[in-house]
Amino acid sequence: LDCERGGPLTRRLIPRAIAGWWMSRLGLKAIFFDFDSTISTPIFVERAQKWAVADNVPLFQRMDEQEIISNLGGTERIIKLEAFFDALHRGGVKLFIVSIG
């Protein structure tokens, strides 16, 4: 679904309204995502001199709000992920996130 051409209302509402229907038509029952570099976009945390990846739980626990937002690709990407996951849910698709962290 190319919702980038529309305005904010189109980008946020139309995909949610039809994407669930589309997912159910495809017969998709389950989907698996790796966390690192699929859901997240790992950042290098300067103060820790480490990459923020799932196997470094102590670093994740010390990240501030802006670091977490950055590690998920920024606010706009988080909105898109939320809309995508919501569409999967509406379509009855089971979502699995695979991670070692």
Protein backbone atom coordinates (compact mmCIF):
# COMPACT_ATOMS: atom_id res chain seq x y z
CA LEU A 1 0.00 0.00 0.00
CA ASP A 2 1.58 3.24 -1.11
CA CYS A 3 0.27 5.78 1.33
CA GLU A 4 3.20 8.18 1.04
CA ARG A 5 1.47 10.24 -1.67
CA GLY A 6 -1.47 11.28 0.49
CA GLY A 7 -1.60 13.74 3.33
CA PRO A 8 -1.35 12.85 7.02
CA LEU A 9 -4.95 11.62 7.15
CA THR A 10 -4.41 9.34 4.16
CA ARG A 11 -1.14 7.99 5.53
CA ARG A 12 -2.65 7.09 8.89
CA LEU A 13 -6.29 6.12 8.28
CA ILE A 14 -6.62 4.55 4.84
CA PRO A 15 -3.91 1.92 5.41
CA ARG A 16 -5.52 0.93 8.71
CA ALA A 17 -8.96 0.75 7.14
CA ILE A 18 -8.02 -1.52 4.22
CA ALA A 19 -4.78 -3.22 5.20
CA GLY A 20 -6.45 -5.65 7.61
CA TRP A 21 -8.85 -6.68 4.85
CA TRP A 22 -5.92 -7.05 2.43
CA MET A 23 -3.96 -9.24 4.86
CA SER A 24 -6.93 -11.55 5.36
CA ARG A 25 -7.39 -11.85 1.57
CA LEU A 26 -3.77 -12.95 1.23
CA GLY A 27 -4.40 -15.75 3.70
CA LEU A 28 -1.44 -14.67 5.82
CA LYS A 29 -1.72 -16.38 9.23
CA ALA A 30 1.59 -15.52 10.90
CA ILE A 31 4.63 -13.36 10.31
CA PHE A 32 8.05 -13.42 11.99
CA PHE A 33 10.41 -10.46 12.39
CA ASP A 34 13.92 -10.30 13.74
CA PHE A 35 14.25 -7.40 16.16
CA ASP A 36 17.74 -6.09 15.33
CA SER A 37 17.94 -4.25 11.99
CA THR A 38 14.39 -5.22 11.03
CA ILE A 39 12.20 -3.60 13.66
CA SER A 40 15.05 -1.61 15.16
CA THR A 41 17.70 0.40 13.35
CA PRO A 42 20.58 -0.04 15.81
CA ILE A 43 22.40 3.13 16.78
CA PHE A 44 25.87 3.54 18.22
CA VAL A 45 25.48 4.88 21.77
CA GLU A 46 28.46 7.19 22.16
CA ARG A 47 28.40 7.36 25.96
CA ALA A 48 28.57 3.55 26.15
CA GLN A 49 30.78 3.08 23.06
CA LYS A 50 28.50 0.20 22.00
CA TRP A 51 25.85 -0.60 19.41
CA ALA A 52 22.30 -0.85 20.77
CA VAL A 53 21.39 -4.41 19.79
CA ALA A 54 19.05 -6.84 21.55
CA ASP A 55 21.76 -8.98 23.12
CA ASN A 56 22.94 -6.01 25.20
CA VAL A 57 20.04 -5.84 27.66
CA PRO A 58 21.88 -3.65 30.23
CA LEU A 59 22.48 -0.99 27.56
CA PHE A 60 18.81 -1.08 26.50
CA GLN A 61 17.78 -0.61 30.13
CA ARG A 62 19.95 2.53 30.39
CA MET A 63 18.82 4.16 27.14
CA ASP A 64 16.93 7.43 27.42
CA GLU A 65 13.75 8.20 25.49
CA GLN A 66 15.52 9.91 22.58
CA GLU A 67 17.96 7.01 22.20
CA ILE A 68 15.05 4.55 22.13
CA ILE A 69 13.23 6.62 19.50
CA SER A 70 16.43 6.84 17.43
CA ASN A 71 17.04 3.10 17.79
CA LEU A 72 13.59 2.46 16.28
CA GLY A 73 14.32 4.78 13.35
CA GLY A 74 12.69 7.98 14.57
CA THR A 75 9.16 9.12 15.28
CA GLU A 76 7.85 8.85 11.70
CA ARG A 77 9.13 5.28 11.39
CA ILE A 78 7.57 4.34 14.74
CA ILE A 79 4.21 5.66 13.44
CA LYS A 80 4.62 3.52 10.31
CA LEU A 81 5.55 0.43 12.34
CA GLU A 82 2.51 0.97 14.56
CA ALA A 83 0.22 1.24 11.52
CA PHE A 84 1.78 -1.87 9.94
CA PHE A 85 1.50 -3.97 13.11
CA ASP A 86 -2.06 -2.72 13.62
CA ALA A 87 -2.94 -3.76 10.05
CA LEU A 88 -1.49 -7.21 10.68
CA HIS A 89 -3.53 -7.52 13.88
CA ARG A 90 -6.73 -6.38 12.15
CA GLY A 91 -6.12 -8.95 9.46
CA GLY A 92 -5.89 -11.71 12.04
CA VAL A 93 -2.17 -12.24 11.49
CA LYS A 94 -0.14 -13.49 14.46
CA LEU A 95 3.00 -11.42 14.94
CA PHE A 96 6.18 -13.01 16.29
CA ILE A 97 9.32 -11.04 17.13
CA VAL A 98 12.47 -13.16 17.25
CA SER A 99 15.22 -11.85 19.49
CA ILE A 100 17.91 -13.15 21.78
CA GLY A 101 17.63 -10.19 24.16
